[in-house]
Amino acid sequence: MLTTLIFLAVLLLITLGVAAYETYGERKVAAFMQDRIGPDRAGPFGLLQPIADGTKMFMKEDFVPANAIRWLYFLGPAIAMSTALLTGVVIPWGGTVTVGDFTMNLQAADPEIGILYVFAMVSIGVYGIMLGGWASNNKFALYGAIRASSQMISYELAMGLSIVALVLHTGTLSMGGIVAQQLDGVWNIVYQPFGFLLFITCAFAECNRAPFDLPECETELVGGYHTEFSSMKLGFYLFAEYVNMFISSAVMSTLYFGGYDIPFLAQTGDTSVLTVALGTLALFLKIGFFIFLFMWIRWTLPRFRYDQLMDLGWRKLIPLAILNLLITGLIAQRHALLALF
């Protein structure tokens, strides 16, 4: 129990640290693509910029609109941030460490319905955005909240169907079980390349990242659902987006790219600290690649119109996800028949 609590505390600190430096990485990637320098004043190479930004958010005036529904106004960012952080507890961040008689699994919890838990947290996160936008009593915030909720519901359907196809292939909903099946070096991206493309497209929409950032859409809605928020309540909303980006990258790495698996290393059966640390490092390198992809896409593609966004979700991605599910089902049935005979 004590080791689990310590692991959760370390995981929380790592998640917050990664999310903080994602803001630094975002600005550096944007600067590189726009032929600028980016943050370079706070510390060497601007490495202390996230700390400066966090300090600024804490020190800003905590303004509450006069006509806001106060308890919902405060509850919105709390839900958004909490659900973003809770998602990471079912992700296997590494293998099992064995030192003498001490054994520790680098996964806080491995329920049989791990994937469903992730989807549940993502779905509850929508309420944080919706409540915050509605409780602000501002038309732009309400429009942004409506956009966010309808967008997330639309793209969760295609994402869920892509995951159903993956579960049909793996036969388990456990995140640890899915990684364990990939430890022989054959990652699920080989069996589900089309499902992965569907999943990553929906992940961009779920995280409200460009070109799917319609809930914020500064050119139309001022700032969208968090227009009336300031200080750390605004910081929670902004920070939750980067936490979600980190967790989404971890989920994609786990489901489709072997998680902490390093090809040919898992077969050795070594559970020493060095081997497990290398596996965790490999997972974070995969996560880093996907985070960079999130940023690259943001500064490359223009924002969709809202009708294009909904058309893509309902009329393109959902039929394609159903087709991928049917093909996966036919292949699974064929393998089952061959196993019988």
C-alpha atoms as a PDB file:
ATOM      1  CA  MET A   1       0.000   0.000   0.000  1.00  0.00           C
ATOM      2  CA  LEU A   2       2.788   2.429   0.937  1.00  0.00           C
ATOM      3  CA  THR A   3       4.721   1.707  -2.271  1.00  0.00           C
ATOM      4  CA  THR A   4       1.557   2.325  -4.313  1.00  0.00           C
ATOM      5  CA  LEU A   5       1.010   5.691  -2.636  1.00  0.00           C
ATOM      6  CA  ILE A   6       4.636   6.663  -3.252  1.00  0.00           C
ATOM      7  CA  PHE A   7       4.329   5.552  -6.879  1.00  0.00           C
ATOM      8  CA  LEU A   8       1.147   7.631  -7.309  1.00  0.00           C
ATOM      9  CA  ALA A   9       2.859  10.687  -5.818  1.00  0.00           C
ATOM     10  CA  VAL A  10       5.829  10.282  -8.161  1.00  0.00           C
ATOM     11  CA  LEU A  11       3.468   9.751 -11.118  1.00  0.00           C
ATOM     12  CA  LEU A  12       1.597  12.941 -10.209  1.00  0.00           C
ATOM     13  CA  LEU A  13       4.810  14.959 -10.063  1.00  0.00           C
ATOM     14  CA  ILE A  14       6.056  13.524 -13.355  1.00  0.00           C
ATOM     15  CA  THR A  15       2.724  14.218 -15.074  1.00  0.00           C
ATOM     16  CA  LEU A  16       2.649  17.816 -13.853  1.00  0.00           C
ATOM     17  CA  GLY A  17       6.297  18.295 -14.771  1.00  0.00           C
ATOM     18  CA  VAL A  18       5.856  16.908 -18.269  1.00  0.00           C
ATOM     19  CA  ALA A  19       2.721  19.017 -18.807  1.00  0.00           C
ATOM     20  CA  ALA A  20       4.560  22.139 -17.641  1.00  0.00           C
ATOM     21  CA  TYR A  21       7.431  21.597 -20.052  1.00  0.00           C
ATOM     22  CA  GLU A  22       5.043  20.743 -22.863  1.00  0.00           C
ATOM     23  CA  THR A  23       4.139  24.448 -22.791  1.00  0.00           C
ATOM     24  CA  TYR A  24       7.835  25.254 -23.219  1.00  0.00           C
ATOM     25  CA  GLY A  25       8.200  22.677 -25.994  1.00  0.00           C
ATOM     26  CA  GLU A  26       5.092  24.010 -27.761  1.00  0.00           C
ATOM     27  CA  ARG A  27       6.508  27.515 -27.885  1.00  0.00           C
ATOM     28  CA  LYS A  28       9.916  26.299 -29.016  1.00  0.00           C
ATOM     29  CA  VAL A  29       8.419  24.141 -31.795  1.00  0.00           C
ATOM     30  CA  ALA A  30       6.236  27.053 -32.919  1.00  0.00           C
ATOM     31  CA  ALA A  31       9.249  29.362 -32.883  1.00  0.00           C
ATOM     32  CA  PHE A  32      11.315  26.903 -34.941  1.00  0.00           C
ATOM     33  CA  MET A  33       8.578  26.541 -37.566  1.00  0.00           C
ATOM     34  CA  GLN A  34       8.117  30.333 -37.742  1.00  0.00           C
ATOM     35  CA  ASP A  35      11.861  31.092 -37.812  1.00  0.00           C
ATOM     36  CA  ARG A  36      11.859  32.657 -34.335  1.00  0.00           C
ATOM     37  CA  ILE A  37      13.846  31.983 -31.154  1.00  0.00           C
ATOM     38  CA  GLY A  38      11.041  31.375 -28.668  1.00  0.00           C
ATOM     39  CA  PRO A  39      11.427  31.674 -24.870  1.00  0.00           C
ATOM     40  CA  ASP A  40      15.037  32.533 -23.995  1.00  0.00           C
ATOM     41  CA  ARG A  41      14.951  34.957 -21.046  1.00  0.00           C
ATOM     42  CA  ALA A  42      13.879  32.904 -18.005  1.00  0.00           C
ATOM     43  CA  GLY A  43      16.918  30.759 -17.245  1.00  0.00           C
ATOM     44  CA  PRO A  44      19.392  29.232 -19.715  1.00  0.00           C
ATOM     45  CA  PHE A  45      17.680  28.648 -23.091  1.00  0.00           C
ATOM     46  CA  GLY A  46      14.430  29.730 -21.431  1.00  0.00           C
ATOM     47  CA  LEU A  47      14.170  26.478 -19.437  1.00  0.00           C
ATOM     48  CA  LEU A  48      12.631  28.265 -16.447  1.00  0.00           C
ATOM     49  CA  GLN A  49       9.812  29.748 -18.540  1.00  0.00           C
ATOM     50  CA  PRO A  50       7.179  27.199 -17.328  1.00  0.00           C
ATOM     51  CA  ILE A  51       8.003  28.138 -13.710  1.00  0.00           C
ATOM     52  CA  ALA A  52       7.667  31.818 -14.567  1.00  0.00           C
ATOM     53  CA  ASP A  53       4.325  31.170 -16.287  1.00  0.00           C
ATOM     54  CA  GLY A  54       3.028  29.180 -13.308  1.00  0.00           C
ATOM     55  CA  THR A  55       4.088  31.907 -10.886  1.00  0.00           C
ATOM     56  CA  LYS A  56       2.308  34.496 -13.026  1.00  0.00           C
ATOM     57  CA  MET A  57      -0.907  32.445 -13.019  1.00  0.00           C
ATOM     58  CA  PHE A  58      -0.815  32.128  -9.227  1.00  0.00           C
ATOM     59  CA  MET A  59      -0.286  35.875  -8.781  1.00  0.00           C
ATOM     60  CA  LYS A  60      -2.979  37.070 -11.195  1.00  0.00           C
ATOM     61  CA  GLU A  61      -6.246  38.452  -9.818  1.00  0.00           C
ATOM     62  CA  ASP A  62      -8.862  35.756  -9.240  1.00  0.00           C
ATOM     63  CA  PHE A  63     -11.818  37.454 -10.880  1.00  0.00           C
ATOM     64  CA  VAL A  64     -15.329  35.942 -10.670  1.00  0.00           C
ATOM     65  CA  PRO A  65     -18.069  37.339 -12.955  1.00  0.00           C
ATOM     66  CA  ALA A  66     -20.949  38.955 -11.034  1.00  0.00           C
ATOM     67  CA  ASN A  67     -23.625  36.783 -12.677  1.00  0.00           C
ATOM     68  CA  ALA A  68     -21.712  33.496 -12.581  1.00  0.00           C
ATOM     69  CA  ILE A  69     -23.115  30.423 -10.843  1.00  0.00           C
ATOM     70  CA  ARG A  70     -20.298  30.350  -8.319  1.00  0.00           C
ATOM     71  CA  TRP A  71     -20.154  26.702  -7.201  1.00  0.00           C
ATOM     72  CA  LEU A  72     -20.398  25.393 -10.776  1.00  0.00           C
ATOM     73  CA  TYR A  73     -17.933  28.069 -11.885  1.00  0.00           C
ATOM     74  CA  PHE A  74     -15.362  26.673  -9.430  1.00  0.00           C
ATOM     75  CA  LEU A  75     -16.306  23.034 -10.070  1.00  0.00           C
ATOM     76  CA  GLY A  76     -15.704  23.166 -13.831  1.00  0.00           C
ATOM     77  CA  PRO A  77     -11.882  23.575 -13.885  1.00  0.00           C
ATOM     78  CA  ALA A  78     -11.562  21.202 -10.906  1.00  0.00           C
ATOM     79  CA  ILE A  79     -13.327  18.409 -12.841  1.00  0.00           C
ATOM     80  CA  ALA A  80     -11.297  19.086 -15.993  1.00  0.00           C
ATOM     81  CA  MET A  81      -7.988  18.882 -14.136  1.00  0.00           C
ATOM     82  CA  SER A  82      -8.912  15.950 -11.873  1.00  0.00           C
ATOM     83  CA  THR A  83     -10.140  13.670 -14.657  1.00  0.00           C
ATOM     84  CA  ALA A  84      -7.040  14.448 -16.722  1.00  0.00           C
ATOM     85  CA  LEU A  85      -4.777  13.369 -13.854  1.00  0.00           C
ATOM     86  CA  LEU A  86      -6.810  10.287 -12.864  1.00  0.00           C
ATOM     87  CA  THR A  87      -6.489   8.705 -16.312  1.00  0.00           C
ATOM     88  CA  GLY A  88      -2.817   7.860 -15.882  1.00  0.00           C
ATOM     89  CA  VAL A  89      -3.244   5.370 -13.018  1.00  0.00           C
ATOM     90  CA  VAL A  90      -4.137   2.444 -15.342  1.00  0.00           C
ATOM     91  CA  ILE A  91      -1.262   2.971 -17.769  1.00  0.00           C
ATOM     92  CA  PRO A  92       1.675   0.539 -17.356  1.00  0.00           C
ATOM     93  CA  TRP A  93       4.693   2.862 -17.189  1.00  0.00           C
ATOM     94  CA  GLY A  94       7.176   0.011 -17.025  1.00  0.00           C
ATOM     95  CA  GLY A  95       7.671  -3.642 -16.196  1.00  0.00           C
ATOM     96  CA  THR A  96       8.041  -5.316 -12.821  1.00  0.00           C
ATOM     97  CA  VAL A  97      11.148  -4.351 -10.839  1.00  0.00           C
ATOM     98  CA  THR A  98      12.731  -7.110  -8.764  1.00  0.00           C
ATOM     99  CA  VAL A  99      15.470  -6.291  -6.247  1.00  0.00           C
ATOM    100  CA  GLY A 100      16.090  -9.204  -3.897  1.00  0.00           C
ATOM    101  CA  ASP A 101      12.784  -9.933  -2.162  1.00  0.00           C
ATOM    102  CA  PHE A 102      11.306  -6.580  -3.181  1.00  0.00           C
ATOM    103  CA  THR A 103       8.988  -6.546  -6.205  1.00  0.00           C
ATOM    104  CA  MET A 104       7.205  -3.516  -7.622  1.00  0.00           C
ATOM    105  CA  ASN A 105       4.981  -3.183 -10.674  1.00  0.00           C
ATOM    106  CA  LEU A 106       5.163   0.221 -12.379  1.00  0.00           C
ATOM    107  CA  GLN A 107       1.395   0.376 -12.839  1.00  0.00           C
ATOM    108  CA  ALA A 108      -0.768   1.818 -10.085  1.00  0.00           C
ATOM    109  CA  ALA A 109      -3.820  -0.283 -11.012  1.00  0.00           C
ATOM    110  CA  ASP A 110      -4.551  -2.871 -13.681  1.00  0.00           C
ATOM    111  CA  PRO A 111      -8.316  -3.460 -13.714  1.00  0.00           C
ATOM    112  CA  GLU A 112      -9.792  -5.849 -16.258  1.00  0.00           C
ATOM    113  CA  ILE A 113     -11.673  -2.889 -17.734  1.00  0.00           C
ATOM    114  CA  GLY A 114      -8.692  -0.550 -18.020  1.00  0.00           C
ATOM    115  CA  ILE A 115      -9.677   0.848 -21.426  1.00  0.00           C
ATOM    116  CA  LEU A 116     -13.244   1.479 -20.251  1.00  0.00           C
ATOM    117  CA  TYR A 117     -11.834   3.371 -17.254  1.00  0.00           C
ATOM    118  CA  VAL A 118      -9.859   5.634 -19.609  1.00  0.00           C
ATOM    119  CA  PHE A 119     -12.987   6.332 -21.656  1.00  0.00           C
ATOM    120  CA  ALA A 120     -14.981   7.013 -18.484  1.00  0.00           C
ATOM    121  CA  MET A 121     -12.478   9.640 -17.315  1.00  0.00           C
ATOM    122  CA  VAL A 122     -12.416  11.266 -20.757  1.00  0.00           C
ATOM    123  CA  SER A 123     -16.231  11.390 -20.791  1.00  0.00           C
ATOM    124  CA  ILE A 124     -16.439  12.941 -17.320  1.00  0.00           C
ATOM    125  CA  GLY A 125     -13.897  15.565 -18.390  1.00  0.00           C
ATOM    126  CA  VAL A 126     -16.490  16.926 -20.822  1.00  0.00           C
ATOM    127  CA  TYR A 127     -18.600  17.988 -17.820  1.00  0.00           C
ATOM    128  CA  GLY A 128     -15.759  20.191 -16.575  1.00  0.00           C
ATOM    129  CA  ILE A 129     -15.755  22.138 -19.826  1.00  0.00           C
ATOM    130  CA  MET A 130     -19.546  22.243 -20.120  1.00  0.00           C
ATOM    131  CA  LEU A 131     -20.113  23.381 -16.532  1.00  0.00           C
ATOM    132  CA  GLY A 132     -17.409  26.028 -16.730  1.00  0.00           C
ATOM    133  CA  GLY A 133     -18.781  27.480 -19.952  1.00  0.00           C
ATOM    134  CA  TRP A 134     -22.399  27.466 -18.793  1.00  0.00           C
ATOM    135  CA  ALA A 135     -21.721  28.760 -15.265  1.00  0.00           C
ATOM    136  CA  SER A 136     -19.761  31.752 -16.609  1.00  0.00           C
ATOM    137  CA  ASN A 137     -23.006  33.301 -17.910  1.00  0.00           C
ATOM    138  CA  ASN A 138     -21.203  34.480 -21.042  1.00  0.00           C
ATOM    139  CA  LYS A 139     -22.481  33.733 -24.532  1.00  0.00           C
ATOM    140  CA  PHE A 140     -19.037  33.085 -25.997  1.00  0.00           C
ATOM    141  CA  ALA A 141     -18.163  30.704 -23.154  1.00  0.00           C
ATOM    142  CA  LEU A 142     -21.501  28.900 -23.626  1.00  0.00           C
ATOM    143  CA  TYR A 143     -20.942  28.543 -27.373  1.00  0.00           C
ATOM    144  CA  GLY A 144     -17.484  27.117 -26.701  1.00  0.00           C
ATOM    145  CA  ALA A 145     -18.864  24.658 -24.133  1.00  0.00           C
ATOM    146  CA  ILE A 146     -21.576  23.486 -26.536  1.00  0.00           C
ATOM    147  CA  ARG A 147     -18.992  23.034 -29.264  1.00  0.00           C
ATOM    148  CA  ALA A 148     -16.715  21.102 -26.917  1.00  0.00           C
ATOM    149  CA  SER A 149     -19.419  18.726 -25.703  1.00  0.00           C
ATOM    150  CA  SER A 150     -20.824  17.977 -29.160  1.00  0.00           C
ATOM    151  CA  GLN A 151     -17.330  17.588 -30.607  1.00  0.00           C
ATOM    152  CA  MET A 152     -16.200  15.165 -27.904  1.00  0.00           C
ATOM    153  CA  ILE A 153     -19.380  13.080 -28.131  1.00  0.00           C
ATOM    154  CA  SER A 154     -19.037  12.878 -31.918  1.00  0.00           C
ATOM    155  CA  TYR A 155     -15.407  11.797 -31.948  1.00  0.00           C
ATOM    156  CA  GLU A 156     -15.712   9.450 -28.957  1.00  0.00           C
ATOM    157  CA  LEU A 157     -17.934   7.221 -31.117  1.00  0.00           C
ATOM    158  CA  ALA A 158     -15.287   6.716 -33.795  1.00  0.00           C
ATOM    159  CA  MET A 159     -12.573   6.360 -31.145  1.00  0.00           C
ATOM    160  CA  GLY A 160     -14.631   3.770 -29.272  1.00  0.00           C
ATOM    161  CA  LEU A 161     -15.207   1.739 -32.445  1.00  0.00           C
ATOM    162  CA  SER A 162     -11.472   1.763 -33.220  1.00  0.00           C
ATOM    163  CA  ILE A 163     -10.803   0.477 -29.690  1.00  0.00           C
ATOM    164  CA  VAL A 164     -13.475  -2.234 -30.077  1.00  0.00           C
ATOM    165  CA  ALA A 165     -11.558  -3.500 -33.109  1.00  0.00           C
ATOM    166  CA  LEU A 166      -8.343  -3.537 -31.060  1.00  0.00           C
ATOM    167  CA  VAL A 167     -10.055  -5.393 -28.189  1.00  0.00           C
ATOM    168  CA  LEU A 168     -11.446  -7.888 -30.708  1.00  0.00           C
ATOM    169  CA  HIS A 169      -7.883  -8.577 -31.803  1.00  0.00           C
ATOM    170  CA  THR A 170      -6.279  -8.695 -28.337  1.00  0.00           C
ATOM    171  CA  GLY A 171      -9.168 -10.288 -26.427  1.00  0.00           C
ATOM    172  CA  THR A 172      -8.665  -8.143 -23.322  1.00  0.00           C
ATOM    173  CA  LEU A 173      -9.609  -4.717 -21.947  1.00  0.00           C
ATOM    174  CA  SER A 174      -6.669  -4.648 -19.536  1.00  0.00           C
ATOM    175  CA  MET A 175      -3.961  -2.133 -20.394  1.00  0.00           C
ATOM    176  CA  GLY A 176      -1.323  -4.361 -18.817  1.00  0.00           C
ATOM    177  CA  GLY A 177      -2.653  -7.364 -20.737  1.00  0.00           C
ATOM    178  CA  ILE A 178      -2.460  -5.491 -24.055  1.00  0.00           C
ATOM    179  CA  VAL A 179       1.170  -4.561 -23.406  1.00  0.00           C
ATOM    180  CA  ALA A 180       1.985  -8.126 -22.339  1.00  0.00           C
ATOM    181  CA  GLN A 181       0.713  -9.436 -25.686  1.00  0.00           C
ATOM    182  CA  GLN A 182       3.093  -7.100 -27.531  1.00  0.00           C
ATOM    183  CA  LEU A 183       6.224  -8.083 -25.601  1.00  0.00           C
ATOM    184  CA  ASP A 184       7.190 -10.587 -28.282  1.00  0.00           C
ATOM    185  CA  GLY A 185       8.089  -7.649 -30.530  1.00  0.00           C
ATOM    186  CA  VAL A 186       4.933  -7.644 -32.715  1.00  0.00           C
ATOM    187  CA  TRP A 187       3.151  -4.410 -31.879  1.00  0.00           C
ATOM    188  CA  ASN A 188      -0.550  -3.837 -32.488  1.00  0.00           C
ATOM    189  CA  ILE A 189       0.197  -1.140 -35.071  1.00  0.00           C
ATOM    190  CA  VAL A 190       1.067  -4.041 -37.409  1.00  0.00           C
ATOM    191  CA  TYR A 191      -2.417  -5.554 -37.004  1.00  0.00           C
ATOM    192  CA  GLN A 192      -4.410  -2.331 -36.624  1.00  0.00           C
ATOM    193  CA  PRO A 193      -2.748   0.427 -38.703  1.00  0.00           C
ATOM    194  CA  PHE A 194      -6.059   1.852 -39.888  1.00  0.00           C
ATOM    195  CA  GLY A 195      -7.538   1.691 -36.393  1.00  0.00           C
ATOM    196  CA  PHE A 196      -4.535   3.649 -35.118  1.00  0.00           C
ATOM    197  CA  LEU A 197      -5.065   6.399 -37.717  1.00  0.00           C
ATOM    198  CA  LEU A 198      -8.684   6.665 -36.612  1.00  0.00           C
ATOM    199  CA  PHE A 199      -7.665   6.733 -32.941  1.00  0.00           C
ATOM    200  CA  ILE A 200      -5.027   9.439 -33.314  1.00  0.00           C
ATOM    201  CA  THR A 201      -7.372  11.621 -35.373  1.00  0.00           C
ATOM    202  CA  CYS A 202     -10.038  11.342 -32.679  1.00  0.00           C
ATOM    203  CA  ALA A 203      -7.401  11.983 -29.986  1.00  0.00           C
ATOM    204  CA  PHE A 204      -6.648  15.365 -31.569  1.00  0.00           C
ATOM    205  CA  ALA A 205     -10.350  16.215 -31.396  1.00  0.00           C
ATOM    206  CA  GLU A 206     -10.730  14.927 -27.815  1.00  0.00           C
ATOM    207  CA  CYS A 207      -7.818  17.071 -26.655  1.00  0.00           C
ATOM    208  CA  ASN A 208      -9.228  20.162 -28.451  1.00  0.00           C
ATOM    209  CA  ARG A 209      -5.996  20.484 -30.377  1.00  0.00           C
ATOM    210  CA  ALA A 210      -5.701  22.212 -33.743  1.00  0.00           C
ATOM    211  CA  PRO A 211      -7.104  21.695 -36.303  1.00  0.00           C
ATOM    212  CA  PHE A 212      -9.939  20.645 -33.933  1.00  0.00           C
ATOM    213  CA  ASP A 213      -9.657  23.575 -31.485  1.00  0.00           C
ATOM    214  CA  LEU A 214     -13.167  24.886 -32.207  1.00  0.00           C
ATOM    215  CA  PRO A 215     -14.171  25.109 -28.485  1.00  0.00           C
ATOM    216  CA  GLU A 216     -11.530  27.827 -27.955  1.00  0.00           C
ATOM    217  CA  CYS A 217     -11.393  29.361 -31.449  1.00  0.00           C
ATOM    218  CA  GLU A 218     -10.054  32.802 -30.487  1.00  0.00           C
ATOM    219  CA  THR A 219     -11.007  34.375 -33.824  1.00  0.00           C
ATOM    220  CA  GLU A 220     -14.706  33.636 -33.206  1.00  0.00           C
ATOM    221  CA  LEU A 221     -15.289  33.082 -29.489  1.00  0.00           C
ATOM    222  CA  VAL A 222     -12.665  35.279 -27.748  1.00  0.00           C
ATOM    223  CA  GLY A 223     -11.376  32.304 -25.758  1.00  0.00           C
ATOM    224  CA  GLY A 224     -14.283  29.895 -25.802  1.00  0.00           C
ATOM    225  CA  TYR A 225     -15.373  28.065 -22.681  1.00  0.00           C
ATOM    226  CA  HIS A 226     -12.663  29.622 -20.474  1.00  0.00           C
ATOM    227  CA  THR A 227     -13.231  33.234 -21.583  1.00  0.00           C
ATOM    228  CA  GLU A 228     -14.373  34.356 -18.112  1.00  0.00           C
ATOM    229  CA  PHE A 229     -11.724  32.451 -16.130  1.00  0.00           C
ATOM    230  CA  SER A 230      -8.574  33.918 -14.643  1.00  0.00           C
ATOM    231  CA  SER A 231      -5.722  33.024 -12.299  1.00  0.00           C
ATOM    232  CA  MET A 232      -5.296  29.306 -11.541  1.00  0.00           C
ATOM    233  CA  LYS A 233      -8.837  28.403 -12.635  1.00  0.00           C
ATOM    234  CA  LEU A 234      -7.775  29.388 -16.145  1.00  0.00           C
ATOM    235  CA  GLY A 235      -4.469  27.649 -15.478  1.00  0.00           C
ATOM    236  CA  PHE A 236      -6.296  24.414 -14.647  1.00  0.00           C
ATOM    237  CA  TYR A 237      -8.124  24.471 -17.972  1.00  0.00           C
ATOM    238  CA  LEU A 238      -4.965  25.221 -19.943  1.00  0.00           C
ATOM    239  CA  PHE A 239      -2.923  22.723 -17.940  1.00  0.00           C
ATOM    240  CA  ALA A 240      -5.564  19.997 -18.306  1.00  0.00           C
ATOM    241  CA  GLU A 241      -5.195  20.235 -22.082  1.00  0.00           C
ATOM    242  CA  TYR A 242      -1.480  19.484 -21.849  1.00  0.00           C
ATOM    243  CA  VAL A 243      -2.025  16.705 -19.307  1.00  0.00           C
ATOM    244  CA  ASN A 244      -4.572  15.167 -21.697  1.00  0.00           C
ATOM    245  CA  MET A 245      -2.057  15.452 -24.520  1.00  0.00           C
ATOM    246  CA  PHE A 246       0.538  13.610 -22.417  1.00  0.00           C
ATOM    247  CA  ILE A 247      -1.919  10.893 -21.360  1.00  0.00           C
ATOM    248  CA  SER A 248      -3.251  10.493 -24.919  1.00  0.00           C
ATOM    249  CA  SER A 249       0.301   9.983 -26.158  1.00  0.00           C
ATOM    250  CA  ALA A 250       0.889   7.408 -23.410  1.00  0.00           C
ATOM    251  CA  VAL A 251      -2.343   5.562 -24.298  1.00  0.00           C
ATOM    252  CA  MET A 252      -1.423   5.451 -28.003  1.00  0.00           C
ATOM    253  CA  SER A 253       2.069   4.205 -27.173  1.00  0.00           C
ATOM    254  CA  THR A 254       0.582   1.536 -24.884  1.00  0.00           C
ATOM    255  CA  LEU A 255      -2.184   0.294 -27.157  1.00  0.00           C
ATOM    256  CA  TYR A 256      -0.428   0.357 -30.514  1.00  0.00           C
ATOM    257  CA  PHE A 257       3.345   0.632 -30.020  1.00  0.00           C
ATOM    258  CA  GLY A 258       4.120  -1.888 -27.305  1.00  0.00           C
ATOM    259  CA  GLY A 259       4.172   0.492 -24.346  1.00  0.00           C
ATOM    260  CA  TYR A 260       7.449  -0.032 -22.508  1.00  0.00           C
ATOM    261  CA  ASP A 261       8.468  -2.886 -24.829  1.00  0.00           C
ATOM    262  CA  ILE A 262      11.907  -2.791 -26.460  1.00  0.00           C
ATOM    263  CA  PRO A 263      12.078  -5.389 -29.256  1.00  0.00           C
ATOM    264  CA  PHE A 264      14.140  -8.461 -28.330  1.00  0.00           C
ATOM    265  CA  LEU A 265      14.805  -7.192 -24.784  1.00  0.00           C
ATOM    266  CA  ALA A 266      11.606  -8.547 -23.220  1.00  0.00           C
ATOM    267  CA  GLN A 267      12.466 -12.109 -24.286  1.00  0.00           C
ATOM    268  CA  THR A 268      15.434 -12.109 -21.913  1.00  0.00           C
ATOM    269  CA  GLY A 269      13.065 -12.131 -18.907  1.00  0.00           C
ATOM    270  CA  ASP A 270      15.403  -9.767 -17.049  1.00  0.00           C
ATOM    271  CA  THR A 271      13.569  -7.763 -14.331  1.00  0.00           C
ATOM    272  CA  SER A 272      16.566  -5.828 -13.045  1.00  0.00           C
ATOM    273  CA  VAL A 273      16.303  -2.108 -12.358  1.00  0.00           C
ATOM    274  CA  LEU A 274      18.373  -1.259 -15.459  1.00  0.00           C
ATOM    275  CA  THR A 275      16.196  -3.290 -17.833  1.00  0.00           C
ATOM    276  CA  VAL A 276      12.947  -1.891 -16.433  1.00  0.00           C
ATOM    277  CA  ALA A 277      14.385   1.639 -16.530  1.00  0.00           C
ATOM    278  CA  LEU A 278      15.299   1.182 -20.204  1.00  0.00           C
ATOM    279  CA  GLY A 279      11.736   0.050 -20.916  1.00  0.00           C
ATOM    280  CA  THR A 280      10.288   3.109 -19.147  1.00  0.00           C
ATOM    281  CA  LEU A 281      12.708   5.336 -21.057  1.00  0.00           C
ATOM    282  CA  ALA A 282      11.554   3.725 -24.324  1.00  0.00           C
ATOM    283  CA  LEU A 283       7.925   4.454 -23.400  1.00  0.00           C
ATOM    284  CA  PHE A 284       8.703   8.104 -22.691  1.00  0.00           C
ATOM    285  CA  LEU A 285      10.564   8.408 -26.002  1.00  0.00           C
ATOM    286  CA  LYS A 286       7.459   7.115 -27.786  1.00  0.00           C
ATOM    287  CA  ILE A 287       5.323   9.556 -25.795  1.00  0.00           C
ATOM    288  CA  GLY A 288       7.713  12.379 -26.708  1.00  0.00           C
ATOM    289  CA  PHE A 289       7.318  11.570 -30.403  1.00  0.00           C
ATOM    290  CA  PHE A 290       3.521  11.783 -30.196  1.00  0.00           C
ATOM    291  CA  ILE A 291       3.665  15.033 -28.193  1.00  0.00           C
ATOM    292  CA  PHE A 292       5.867  16.497 -30.909  1.00  0.00           C
ATOM    293  CA  LEU A 293       3.340  15.258 -33.493  1.00  0.00           C
ATOM    294  CA  PHE A 294       0.543  17.079 -31.625  1.00  0.00           C
ATOM    295  CA  MET A 295       2.576  20.284 -31.766  1.00  0.00           C
ATOM    296  CA  TRP A 296       3.678  19.797 -35.378  1.00  0.00           C
ATOM    297  CA  ILE A 297       0.090  19.361 -36.558  1.00  0.00           C
ATOM    298  CA  ARG A 298      -1.043  22.434 -34.603  1.00  0.00           C
ATOM    299  CA  TRP A 299       1.415  24.713 -36.377  1.00  0.00           C
ATOM    300  CA  THR A 300       0.916  23.112 -39.798  1.00  0.00           C
ATOM    301  CA  LEU A 301      -2.822  22.690 -40.461  1.00  0.00           C
ATOM    302  CA  PRO A 302      -5.502  25.417 -40.393  1.00  0.00           C
ATOM    303  CA  ARG A 303      -8.576  25.134 -38.182  1.00  0.00           C
ATOM    304  CA  PHE A 304     -11.661  23.370 -39.597  1.00  0.00           C
ATOM    305  CA  ARG A 305     -14.985  25.106 -39.974  1.00  0.00           C
ATOM    306  CA  TYR A 306     -17.480  23.690 -37.493  1.00  0.00           C
ATOM    307  CA  ASP A 307     -19.608  22.054 -40.198  1.00  0.00           C
ATOM    308  CA  GLN A 308     -16.475  20.407 -41.595  1.00  0.00           C
ATOM    309  CA  LEU A 309     -15.585  19.176 -38.112  1.00  0.00           C
ATOM    310  CA  MET A 310     -18.951  17.499 -37.590  1.00  0.00           C
ATOM    311  CA  ASP A 311     -19.056  16.152 -41.149  1.00  0.00           C
ATOM    312  CA  LEU A 312     -15.663  14.505 -40.664  1.00  0.00           C
ATOM    313  CA  GLY A 313     -16.711  12.925 -37.381  1.00  0.00           C
ATOM    314  CA  TRP A 314     -20.160  11.602 -38.337  1.00  0.00           C
ATOM    315  CA  ARG A 315     -19.978  10.991 -42.083  1.00  0.00           C
ATOM    316  CA  LYS A 316     -16.339   9.980 -42.531  1.00  0.00           C
ATOM    317  CA  LEU A 317     -14.706   8.610 -39.384  1.00  0.00           C
ATOM    318  CA  ILE A 318     -17.644   6.614 -37.965  1.00  0.00           C
ATOM    319  CA  PRO A 319     -18.321   4.691 -41.240  1.00  0.00           C
ATOM    320  CA  LEU A 320     -14.577   4.042 -41.605  1.00  0.00           C
ATOM    321  CA  ALA A 321     -14.387   2.831 -37.990  1.00  0.00           C
ATOM    322  CA  ILE A 322     -17.325   0.467 -38.596  1.00  0.00           C
ATOM    323  CA  LEU A 323     -15.607  -0.847 -41.739  1.00  0.00           C
ATOM    324  CA  ASN A 324     -12.377  -1.427 -39.785  1.00  0.00           C
ATOM    325  CA  LEU A 325     -14.367  -3.260 -37.093  1.00  0.00           C
ATOM    326  CA  LEU A 326     -16.050  -5.514 -39.678  1.00  0.00           C
ATOM    327  CA  ILE A 327     -12.741  -6.388 -41.336  1.00  0.00           C
ATOM    328  CA  THR A 328     -11.153  -7.133 -37.959  1.00  0.00           C
ATOM    329  CA  GLY A 329     -14.127  -9.318 -37.018  1.00  0.00           C
ATOM    330  CA  LEU A 330     -13.888 -11.296 -40.257  1.00  0.00           C
ATOM    331  CA  ILE A 331     -10.162 -11.877 -39.763  1.00  0.00           C
ATOM    332  CA  ALA A 332     -10.714 -12.945 -36.136  1.00  0.00           C
ATOM    333  CA  GLN A 333     -13.478 -15.351 -37.215  1.00  0.00           C
ATOM    334  CA  ARG A 334     -11.235 -16.833 -39.893  1.00  0.00           C
ATOM    335  CA  HIS A 335      -8.456 -17.420 -37.374  1.00  0.00           C
ATOM    336  CA  ALA A 336     -10.935 -19.040 -34.979  1.00  0.00           C
ATOM    337  CA  LEU A 337     -12.165 -21.396 -37.693  1.00  0.00           C
ATOM    338  CA  LEU A 338      -8.606 -22.313 -38.676  1.00  0.00           C
ATOM    339  CA  ALA A 339      -7.809 -23.054 -35.019  1.00  0.00           C
ATOM    340  CA  LEU A 340     -10.765 -25.484 -34.865  1.00  0.00           C
ATOM    341  CA  PHE A 341      -9.683 -27.443 -37.921  1.00  0.00           C
END
